[in-house]
């Protein structure tokens, strides 16, 4: 990943790499390079998702009609 890609670009590229690896048409050395690239993209996407999750807040309205912010809680929390 020489140039910085967006999350969406990275996911699309990762999907293409998975398809190429699943096709079994790549020589072993090329497949290994694609696998390494896929690992880097996967790590980047995972870090981006973690970063975004930390920023996400849910606005809730209390009984008085006021909005309060609460941290986003994932299903794993």
C-alpha atoms as a PDB file:
ATOM      1  CA  UNK A   1       0.000   0.000   0.000  1.00  0.00           C
ATOM      2  CA  UNK A   2       2.345   2.684  -1.217  1.00  0.00           C
ATOM      3  CA  UNK A   3      -0.340   5.354  -1.396  1.00  0.00           C
ATOM      4  CA  UNK A   4      -2.945   5.874   1.288  1.00  0.00           C
ATOM      5  CA  UNK A   5      -6.263   4.391   0.199  1.00  0.00           C
ATOM      6  CA  UNK A   6      -9.683   4.982   1.635  1.00  0.00           C
ATOM      7  CA  UNK A   7     -11.353   2.282   3.695  1.00  0.00           C
ATOM      8  CA  UNK A   8     -13.701   1.535   0.815  1.00  0.00           C
ATOM      9  CA  UNK A   9     -10.870   1.266  -1.719  1.00  0.00           C
ATOM     10  CA  UNK A  10      -8.964  -1.006   0.629  1.00  0.00           C
ATOM     11  CA  UNK A  11     -11.967  -3.281   1.167  1.00  0.00           C
ATOM     12  CA  UNK A  12     -12.600  -3.540  -2.577  1.00  0.00           C
ATOM     13  CA  UNK A  13      -8.951  -4.391  -3.209  1.00  0.00           C
ATOM     14  CA  UNK A  14      -9.038  -6.935  -0.386  1.00  0.00           C
ATOM     15  CA  UNK A  15     -12.106  -8.575  -1.959  1.00  0.00           C
ATOM     16  CA  UNK A  16     -10.296  -8.763  -5.304  1.00  0.00           C
ATOM     17  CA  UNK A  17      -7.270 -10.357  -3.661  1.00  0.00           C
ATOM     18  CA  UNK A  18      -9.463 -12.958  -1.954  1.00  0.00           C
ATOM     19  CA  UNK A  19     -11.108 -13.798  -5.292  1.00  0.00           C
ATOM     20  CA  UNK A  20      -7.694 -14.143  -6.947  1.00  0.00           C
ATOM     21  CA  UNK A  21      -6.417 -16.399  -4.170  1.00  0.00           C
ATOM     22  CA  UNK A  22      -9.561 -18.523  -4.251  1.00  0.00           C
ATOM     23  CA  UNK A  23      -9.257 -19.013  -8.005  1.00  0.00           C
ATOM     24  CA  UNK A  24      -6.001 -20.946  -7.488  1.00  0.00           C
ATOM     25  CA  UNK A  25      -4.714 -19.634 -10.813  1.00  0.00           C
ATOM     26  CA  UNK A  26      -1.798 -17.680  -9.334  1.00  0.00           C
ATOM     27  CA  UNK A  27       1.709 -19.108  -9.167  1.00  0.00           C
ATOM     28  CA  UNK A  28       2.840 -19.755  -5.610  1.00  0.00           C
ATOM     29  CA  UNK A  29       5.146 -16.719  -5.396  1.00  0.00           C
ATOM     30  CA  UNK A  30       2.456 -14.340  -6.714  1.00  0.00           C
ATOM     31  CA  UNK A  31      -0.105 -15.878  -4.377  1.00  0.00           C
ATOM     32  CA  UNK A  32       2.212 -15.270  -1.422  1.00  0.00           C
ATOM     33  CA  UNK A  33       2.683 -11.615  -2.435  1.00  0.00           C
ATOM     34  CA  UNK A  34      -1.092 -11.191  -2.786  1.00  0.00           C
ATOM     35  CA  UNK A  35      -1.596 -12.859   0.600  1.00  0.00           C
ATOM     36  CA  UNK A  36       0.903 -10.448   2.224  1.00  0.00           C
ATOM     37  CA  UNK A  37      -0.836  -7.488   0.578  1.00  0.00           C
ATOM     38  CA  UNK A  38      -4.183  -8.812   1.805  1.00  0.00           C
ATOM     39  CA  UNK A  39      -2.896  -9.087   5.376  1.00  0.00           C
ATOM     40  CA  UNK A  40      -1.726  -5.448   5.271  1.00  0.00           C
ATOM     41  CA  UNK A  41      -5.067  -4.300   3.865  1.00  0.00           C
ATOM     42  CA  UNK A  42      -6.960  -6.337   6.441  1.00  0.00           C
ATOM     43  CA  UNK A  43      -4.943  -4.794   9.268  1.00  0.00           C
ATOM     44  CA  UNK A  44      -5.483  -1.282   7.873  1.00  0.00           C
ATOM     45  CA  UNK A  45      -9.252  -1.832   7.578  1.00  0.00           C
ATOM     46  CA  UNK A  46      -9.452  -3.294  11.081  1.00  0.00           C
ATOM     47  CA  UNK A  47      -7.560  -0.330  12.527  1.00  0.00           C
ATOM     48  CA  UNK A  48      -9.838   2.107  10.666  1.00  0.00           C
ATOM     49  CA  UNK A  49     -12.941   0.372  12.005  1.00  0.00           C
ATOM     50  CA  UNK A  50     -11.561   0.466  15.557  1.00  0.00           C
ATOM     51  CA  UNK A  51     -10.750   4.160  15.151  1.00  0.00           C
ATOM     52  CA  UNK A  52     -14.241   4.956  13.876  1.00  0.00           C
ATOM     53  CA  UNK A  53     -15.936   2.864  16.555  1.00  0.00           C
ATOM     54  CA  UNK A  54     -14.203   4.941  19.219  1.00  0.00           C
ATOM     55  CA  UNK A  55     -15.609   8.129  17.651  1.00  0.00           C
ATOM     56  CA  UNK A  56     -19.157   6.914  17.316  1.00  0.00           C
ATOM     57  CA  UNK A  57     -21.655   8.180  19.864  1.00  0.00           C
ATOM     58  CA  UNK A  58     -25.358   7.642  20.058  1.00  0.00           C
ATOM     59  CA  UNK A  59     -27.614  10.555  20.851  1.00  0.00           C
ATOM     60  CA  UNK A  60     -30.366   9.626  23.268  1.00  0.00           C
ATOM     61  CA  UNK A  61     -33.258  11.767  24.391  1.00  0.00           C
ATOM     62  CA  UNK A  62     -33.904  11.783  28.126  1.00  0.00           C
ATOM     63  CA  UNK A  63     -37.316  12.150  29.809  1.00  0.00           C
ATOM     64  CA  UNK A  64     -37.049  15.958  29.736  1.00  0.00           C
ATOM     65  CA  UNK A  65     -36.467  16.029  25.982  1.00  0.00           C
ATOM     66  CA  UNK A  66     -32.772  16.805  26.337  1.00  0.00           C
ATOM     67  CA  UNK A  67     -30.243  14.966  24.266  1.00  0.00           C
ATOM     68  CA  UNK A  68     -27.367  13.236  25.975  1.00  0.00           C
ATOM     69  CA  UNK A  69     -24.389  11.547  24.387  1.00  0.00           C
ATOM     70  CA  UNK A  70     -23.433   8.059  25.400  1.00  0.00           C
ATOM     71  CA  UNK A  71     -20.492   6.027  24.114  1.00  0.00           C
ATOM     72  CA  UNK A  72     -21.243   3.473  21.454  1.00  0.00           C
ATOM     73  CA  UNK A  73     -21.253  -0.035  22.854  1.00  0.00           C
ATOM     74  CA  UNK A  74     -20.608  -2.893  20.461  1.00  0.00           C
ATOM     75  CA  UNK A  75     -22.193  -6.316  20.873  1.00  0.00           C
ATOM     76  CA  UNK A  76     -18.873  -7.568  22.277  1.00  0.00           C
ATOM     77  CA  UNK A  77     -18.834  -5.055  25.166  1.00  0.00           C
END
